[in-house]
Amino acid sequence: MVENDDERRKRQNEEREDELRRIPLQEIDKAKWPRGVREIAMHETGGLGIDKDGRLYWNGTPVEIVSQRLDLTAWQNIIGGAVALFTLITALATSVQAWTAYHDWACKVHWPVATKCPAEPVLRIWSE
């Protein structure tokens, strides 16, 4: 069944209204805009484009998202390095403790282990 133009427009309008209910239009505060920035005029919207992968272009040039670099002070770098080092030491110690606990338990229940289990203690009664 082929829908006519009126049905298609009505369906598109309903979809757009549903989208606007789920994600309302954003309030724009131009006071926060940097000096020298203005809004795009209607006749300039032809400069916006998108490729098959969804990348945004302005006047044929890809729009790049510029992120801010995180710069730490010398002390913050030292503290961060110390935290990373102590975290690594803690992880290694936890791994050794877990392996030791497993080995001890596996020896008691006679499961296979990577290394030899200690000999079971022999109960000796001393008599003279």
N, C-alpha and C. Protein backbone atom coordinates (compact mmCIF):
# COMPACT_ATOMS: atom_id res chain seq x y z
N MET A 1 0.84 -1.18 0.00
CA MET A 1 0.00 0.00 0.00
C MET A 1 0.89 1.24 0.00
N VAL A 2 0.64 2.12 -0.91
CA VAL A 2 1.43 3.34 -1.05
C VAL A 2 0.67 4.46 -0.36
N GLU A 3 1.37 5.14 0.56
CA GLU A 3 0.70 6.24 1.26
C GLU A 3 0.81 7.50 0.42
N ASN A 4 -0.21 8.32 0.47
CA ASN A 4 -0.16 9.56 -0.30
C ASN A 4 0.62 10.61 0.47
N ASP A 5 0.84 11.76 -0.14
CA ASP A 5 1.66 12.81 0.46
C ASP A 5 1.07 13.32 1.78
N ASP A 6 -0.26 13.45 1.86
CA ASP A 6 -0.87 13.94 3.10
C ASP A 6 -0.64 12.97 4.25
N GLU A 7 -0.80 11.67 4.00
CA GLU A 7 -0.56 10.67 5.05
C GLU A 7 0.90 10.65 5.48
N ARG A 8 1.79 10.77 4.51
CA ARG A 8 3.22 10.78 4.81
C ARG A 8 3.58 12.00 5.65
N ARG A 9 3.09 13.18 5.28
CA ARG A 9 3.36 14.39 6.06
C ARG A 9 2.77 14.28 7.47
N LYS A 10 1.58 13.73 7.57
CA LYS A 10 0.96 13.57 8.88
C LYS A 10 1.79 12.62 9.75
N ARG A 11 2.24 11.51 9.17
CA ARG A 11 3.08 10.57 9.91
C ARG A 11 4.39 11.23 10.33
N GLN A 12 5.03 11.97 9.44
CA GLN A 12 6.28 12.65 9.76
C GLN A 12 6.08 13.69 10.86
N ASN A 13 4.97 14.42 10.81
CA ASN A 13 4.68 15.42 11.84
C ASN A 13 4.48 14.76 13.21
N GLU A 14 3.77 13.62 13.21
CA GLU A 14 3.58 12.90 14.47
C GLU A 14 4.91 12.38 15.03
N GLU A 15 5.77 11.87 14.15
CA GLU A 15 7.08 11.41 14.59
C GLU A 15 7.91 12.56 15.15
N ARG A 16 7.85 13.72 14.50
CA ARG A 16 8.60 14.89 14.97
C ARG A 16 8.08 15.36 16.33
N GLU A 17 6.77 15.38 16.50
CA GLU A 17 6.20 15.77 17.79
C GLU A 17 6.60 14.79 18.89
N ASP A 18 6.63 13.50 18.55
CA ASP A 18 7.07 12.50 19.53
C ASP A 18 8.54 12.72 19.90
N GLU A 19 9.38 13.00 18.91
CA GLU A 19 10.79 13.28 19.18
C GLU A 19 10.94 14.49 20.09
N LEU A 20 10.17 15.53 19.84
CA LEU A 20 10.27 16.76 20.64
C LEU A 20 9.75 16.54 22.06
N ARG A 21 8.80 15.62 22.24
CA ARG A 21 8.35 15.30 23.59
C ARG A 21 9.44 14.55 24.36
N ARG A 22 10.10 13.61 23.67
CA ARG A 22 11.16 12.84 24.31
C ARG A 22 12.42 13.67 24.54
N ILE A 23 12.79 14.45 23.55
CA ILE A 23 13.99 15.30 23.64
C ILE A 23 13.59 16.71 23.26
N PRO A 24 13.25 17.55 24.26
CA PRO A 24 12.79 18.90 23.95
C PRO A 24 13.90 19.77 23.38
N LEU A 25 13.48 20.85 22.73
CA LEU A 25 14.45 21.80 22.18
C LEU A 25 15.27 22.40 23.32
N GLN A 26 16.51 22.69 23.04
CA GLN A 26 17.41 23.25 24.04
C GLN A 26 17.25 24.77 24.10
N GLU A 27 17.35 25.30 25.31
CA GLU A 27 17.35 26.75 25.48
C GLU A 27 18.76 27.24 25.18
N ILE A 28 18.88 28.22 24.31
CA ILE A 28 20.18 28.73 23.90
C ILE A 28 20.46 30.02 24.67
N ASP A 29 21.60 30.07 25.35
CA ASP A 29 22.02 31.26 26.08
C ASP A 29 23.19 31.88 25.34
N LYS A 30 22.88 32.87 24.52
CA LYS A 30 23.91 33.50 23.70
C LYS A 30 24.90 34.32 24.53
N ALA A 31 24.55 34.60 25.77
CA ALA A 31 25.47 35.33 26.65
C ALA A 31 26.72 34.50 26.93
N LYS A 32 26.62 33.19 26.81
CA LYS A 32 27.76 32.30 27.06
C LYS A 32 28.62 32.11 25.82
N TRP A 33 28.19 32.62 24.69
CA TRP A 33 28.95 32.43 23.46
C TRP A 33 30.21 33.30 23.49
N PRO A 34 31.32 32.81 22.92
CA PRO A 34 32.52 33.65 22.85
C PRO A 34 32.30 34.86 21.94
N ARG A 35 33.06 35.90 22.19
CA ARG A 35 32.97 37.11 21.37
C ARG A 35 33.33 36.76 19.93
N GLY A 36 32.60 37.28 18.99
CA GLY A 36 32.87 37.04 17.58
C GLY A 36 32.12 35.84 17.01
N VAL A 37 31.24 35.21 17.80
CA VAL A 37 30.45 34.08 17.32
C VAL A 37 29.00 34.54 17.14
N ARG A 38 28.42 34.17 16.02
CA ARG A 38 27.02 34.50 15.77
C ARG A 38 26.30 33.26 15.30
N GLU A 39 24.98 33.30 15.29
CA GLU A 39 24.23 32.14 14.84
C GLU A 39 24.23 32.06 13.31
N ILE A 40 23.98 30.87 12.80
CA ILE A 40 23.97 30.64 11.36
C ILE A 40 22.69 31.21 10.77
N ALA A 41 22.83 31.91 9.67
CA ALA A 41 21.66 32.43 8.96
C ALA A 41 21.06 31.32 8.11
N MET A 42 19.79 31.46 7.78
CA MET A 42 19.11 30.41 7.01
C MET A 42 19.82 30.11 5.70
N HIS A 43 20.31 31.13 5.00
CA HIS A 43 20.95 30.86 3.71
C HIS A 43 22.33 30.23 3.88
N GLU A 44 22.87 30.18 5.12
CA GLU A 44 24.17 29.54 5.36
C GLU A 44 24.04 28.05 5.70
N THR A 45 22.83 27.58 5.95
CA THR A 45 22.68 26.17 6.35
C THR A 45 23.10 25.22 5.24
N GLY A 46 23.16 25.69 4.02
CA GLY A 46 23.64 24.87 2.91
C GLY A 46 25.10 24.49 3.07
N GLY A 47 25.82 25.17 3.97
CA GLY A 47 27.23 24.85 4.21
C GLY A 47 27.42 23.64 5.11
N LEU A 48 26.36 23.21 5.78
CA LEU A 48 26.44 22.04 6.65
C LEU A 48 26.24 20.77 5.82
N GLY A 49 27.03 19.75 6.14
CA GLY A 49 26.89 18.49 5.42
C GLY A 49 27.25 17.33 6.33
N ILE A 50 26.91 16.15 5.86
CA ILE A 50 27.18 14.93 6.63
C ILE A 50 27.53 13.84 5.63
N ASP A 51 28.48 12.97 6.01
CA ASP A 51 28.84 11.87 5.11
C ASP A 51 28.12 10.59 5.52
N LYS A 52 28.40 9.49 4.80
CA LYS A 52 27.69 8.24 5.05
C LYS A 52 27.96 7.67 6.43
N ASP A 53 29.08 8.07 7.06
CA ASP A 53 29.43 7.58 8.40
C ASP A 53 28.93 8.50 9.51
N GLY A 54 28.22 9.56 9.15
CA GLY A 54 27.67 10.46 10.15
C GLY A 54 28.59 11.58 10.59
N ARG A 55 29.74 11.76 9.91
CA ARG A 55 30.65 12.85 10.27
C ARG A 55 30.11 14.17 9.73
N LEU A 56 30.21 15.20 10.55
CA LEU A 56 29.68 16.52 10.23
C LEU A 56 30.73 17.34 9.48
N TYR A 57 30.28 18.07 8.45
CA TYR A 57 31.17 18.92 7.65
C TYR A 57 30.60 20.33 7.61
N TRP A 58 31.49 21.31 7.58
CA TRP A 58 31.09 22.69 7.37
C TRP A 58 31.86 23.20 6.16
N ASN A 59 31.13 23.54 5.13
CA ASN A 59 31.70 24.06 3.90
C ASN A 59 32.77 23.11 3.34
N GLY A 60 32.50 21.80 3.44
CA GLY A 60 33.39 20.79 2.89
C GLY A 60 34.53 20.37 3.81
N THR A 61 34.68 21.04 4.95
CA THR A 61 35.75 20.72 5.89
C THR A 61 35.17 19.96 7.08
N PRO A 62 35.80 18.84 7.49
CA PRO A 62 35.27 18.10 8.65
C PRO A 62 35.27 18.98 9.91
N VAL A 63 34.21 18.87 10.68
CA VAL A 63 34.12 19.58 11.95
C VAL A 63 34.84 18.74 12.99
N GLU A 64 35.83 19.34 13.66
CA GLU A 64 36.62 18.61 14.64
C GLU A 64 36.17 19.02 16.04
N ILE A 65 36.05 18.03 16.90
CA ILE A 65 35.74 18.29 18.30
C ILE A 65 37.08 18.41 19.02
N VAL A 66 37.34 19.56 19.58
CA VAL A 66 38.61 19.80 20.25
C VAL A 66 38.39 19.60 21.75
N SER A 67 39.17 18.71 22.32
CA SER A 67 39.05 18.47 23.75
C SER A 67 40.16 19.22 24.48
N GLN A 68 39.95 19.44 25.76
CA GLN A 68 40.95 20.13 26.55
C GLN A 68 41.90 19.11 27.14
N ARG A 69 43.16 19.43 27.13
CA ARG A 69 44.19 18.57 27.70
C ARG A 69 44.21 18.76 29.20
N LEU A 70 44.43 17.68 29.91
CA LEU A 70 44.53 17.72 31.36
C LEU A 70 45.99 17.87 31.74
N ASP A 71 46.33 19.01 32.28
CA ASP A 71 47.70 19.26 32.72
C ASP A 71 47.77 19.18 34.23
N LEU A 72 48.70 18.39 34.72
CA LEU A 72 48.88 18.23 36.16
C LEU A 72 50.14 18.95 36.60
N THR A 73 50.14 19.38 37.85
CA THR A 73 51.35 19.97 38.41
C THR A 73 52.35 18.86 38.71
N ALA A 74 53.57 19.24 39.04
CA ALA A 74 54.60 18.26 39.35
C ALA A 74 54.19 17.40 40.55
N TRP A 75 53.65 18.03 41.58
CA TRP A 75 53.23 17.27 42.77
C TRP A 75 52.08 16.32 42.45
N GLN A 76 51.15 16.76 41.61
CA GLN A 76 50.04 15.89 41.22
C GLN A 76 50.56 14.69 40.44
N ASN A 77 51.55 14.90 39.59
CA ASN A 77 52.17 13.78 38.85
C ASN A 77 52.85 12.81 39.80
N ILE A 78 53.56 13.35 40.80
CA ILE A 78 54.25 12.48 41.76
C ILE A 78 53.24 11.67 42.56
N ILE A 79 52.20 12.33 43.05
CA ILE A 79 51.17 11.64 43.82
C ILE A 79 50.44 10.61 42.95
N GLY A 80 50.13 10.97 41.73
CA GLY A 80 49.48 10.02 40.82
C GLY A 80 50.36 8.81 40.54
N GLY A 81 51.66 9.04 40.36
CA GLY A 81 52.58 7.93 40.14
C GLY A 81 52.67 7.03 41.37
N ALA A 82 52.71 7.65 42.56
CA ALA A 82 52.76 6.86 43.80
C ALA A 82 51.50 6.02 43.96
N VAL A 83 50.35 6.61 43.67
CA VAL A 83 49.08 5.86 43.77
C VAL A 83 49.09 4.69 42.80
N ALA A 84 49.57 4.93 41.58
CA ALA A 84 49.62 3.84 40.59
C ALA A 84 50.58 2.74 41.05
N LEU A 85 51.73 3.12 41.60
CA LEU A 85 52.70 2.14 42.08
C LEU A 85 52.13 1.31 43.23
N PHE A 86 51.51 1.98 44.21
CA PHE A 86 50.95 1.25 45.35
C PHE A 86 49.77 0.38 44.92
N THR A 87 49.02 0.82 43.93
CA THR A 87 47.93 0.00 43.41
C THR A 87 48.49 -1.27 42.76
N LEU A 88 49.57 -1.13 42.02
CA LEU A 88 50.21 -2.29 41.39
C LEU A 88 50.74 -3.25 42.45
N ILE A 89 51.40 -2.72 43.48
CA ILE A 89 51.92 -3.57 44.55
C ILE A 89 50.78 -4.31 45.25
N THR A 90 49.69 -3.60 45.51
CA THR A 90 48.53 -4.22 46.16
C THR A 90 47.94 -5.33 45.29
N ALA A 91 47.85 -5.09 43.99
CA ALA A 91 47.32 -6.11 43.08
C ALA A 91 48.21 -7.34 43.06
N LEU A 92 49.51 -7.14 43.03
CA LEU A 92 50.43 -8.28 43.04
C LEU A 92 50.34 -9.05 44.35
N ALA A 93 50.29 -8.33 45.48
CA ALA A 93 50.19 -9.00 46.78
C ALA A 93 48.88 -9.79 46.89
N THR A 94 47.81 -9.22 46.39
CA THR A 94 46.52 -9.92 46.41
C THR A 94 46.58 -11.18 45.56
N SER A 95 47.23 -11.10 44.42
CA SER A 95 47.36 -12.27 43.55
C SER A 95 48.16 -13.38 44.24
N VAL A 96 49.25 -13.01 44.90
CA VAL A 96 50.06 -14.00 45.61
C VAL A 96 49.25 -14.64 46.74
N GLN A 97 48.53 -13.81 47.47
CA GLN A 97 47.71 -14.34 48.57
C GLN A 97 46.63 -15.28 48.05
N ALA A 98 45.99 -14.92 46.95
CA ALA A 98 44.95 -15.77 46.37
C ALA A 98 45.54 -17.09 45.90
N TRP A 99 46.71 -17.05 45.24
CA TRP A 99 47.34 -18.28 44.78
C TRP A 99 47.71 -19.17 45.96
N THR A 100 48.26 -18.57 47.01
CA THR A 100 48.65 -19.35 48.18
C THR A 100 47.44 -19.99 48.84
N ALA A 101 46.36 -19.24 48.96
CA ALA A 101 45.15 -19.79 49.58
C ALA A 101 44.60 -20.94 48.74
N TYR A 102 44.58 -20.77 47.42
CA TYR A 102 44.10 -21.85 46.57
C TYR A 102 44.99 -23.09 46.71
N HIS A 103 46.30 -22.89 46.67
CA HIS A 103 47.24 -24.01 46.76
C HIS A 103 47.04 -24.78 48.06
N ASP A 104 46.92 -24.07 49.16
CA ASP A 104 46.73 -24.72 50.46
C ASP A 104 45.43 -25.52 50.47
N TRP A 105 44.37 -24.91 49.98
CA TRP A 105 43.06 -25.57 49.96
C TRP A 105 43.06 -26.78 49.02
N ALA A 106 43.65 -26.60 47.82
CA ALA A 106 43.67 -27.68 46.84
C ALA A 106 44.47 -28.87 47.37
N CYS A 107 45.54 -28.61 48.11
CA CYS A 107 46.32 -29.72 48.70
C CYS A 107 45.48 -30.47 49.72
N LYS A 108 44.69 -29.75 50.50
CA LYS A 108 43.88 -30.40 51.54
C LYS A 108 42.79 -31.28 50.95
N VAL A 109 42.22 -30.88 49.80
CA VAL A 109 41.14 -31.67 49.20
C VAL A 109 41.65 -32.56 48.07
N HIS A 110 42.97 -32.64 47.91
CA HIS A 110 43.63 -33.50 46.93
C HIS A 110 43.24 -33.17 45.49
N TRP A 111 43.21 -31.88 45.18
CA TRP A 111 43.00 -31.44 43.81
C TRP A 111 44.37 -31.19 43.18
N PRO A 112 44.43 -31.17 41.84
CA PRO A 112 45.73 -30.92 41.20
C PRO A 112 46.20 -29.48 41.45
N VAL A 113 47.50 -29.36 41.66
CA VAL A 113 48.10 -28.04 41.87
C VAL A 113 49.34 -27.94 40.99
N ALA A 114 49.80 -26.71 40.80
CA ALA A 114 50.94 -26.47 39.93
C ALA A 114 52.25 -26.92 40.56
N THR A 115 52.33 -26.85 41.86
CA THR A 115 53.56 -27.26 42.56
C THR A 115 53.24 -28.41 43.51
N LYS A 116 54.27 -29.00 44.03
CA LYS A 116 54.10 -30.16 44.91
C LYS A 116 53.52 -29.73 46.25
N CYS A 117 52.58 -30.53 46.74
CA CYS A 117 52.00 -30.27 48.05
C CYS A 117 52.97 -30.73 49.13
N PRO A 118 52.97 -30.07 50.27
CA PRO A 118 53.84 -30.52 51.36
C PRO A 118 53.36 -31.89 51.86
N ALA A 119 54.29 -32.62 52.42
CA ALA A 119 53.94 -33.94 52.95
C ALA A 119 52.99 -33.78 54.12
N GLU A 120 52.06 -34.71 54.21
CA GLU A 120 51.12 -34.63 55.31
C GLU A 120 51.85 -34.98 56.62
N PRO A 121 51.52 -34.26 57.66
CA PRO A 121 52.22 -34.53 58.94
C PRO A 121 51.89 -35.94 59.44
N VAL A 122 52.90 -36.56 60.00
CA VAL A 122 52.73 -37.91 60.55
C VAL A 122 52.58 -37.77 62.05
N LEU A 123 51.57 -38.40 62.56
CA LEU A 123 51.31 -38.34 64.00
C LEU A 123 52.15 -39.43 64.65
N ARG A 124 53.05 -39.04 65.50
CA ARG A 124 53.93 -40.01 66.18
C ARG A 124 53.63 -39.97 67.68
N ILE A 125 53.54 -41.08 68.19
CA ILE A 125 53.37 -41.17 69.63
C ILE A 125 54.69 -41.70 70.17
N TRP A 126 55.30 -40.95 71.03
CA TRP A 126 56.58 -41.33 71.59
C TRP A 126 56.33 -42.22 72.81
N SER A 127 56.93 -43.27 72.76
CA SER A 127 56.85 -44.14 73.94
C SER A 127 58.24 -44.64 74.27
N GLU A 128 58.48 -44.83 75.51
CA GLU A 128 59.79 -45.32 75.92
C GLU A 128 59.68 -46.58 76.68
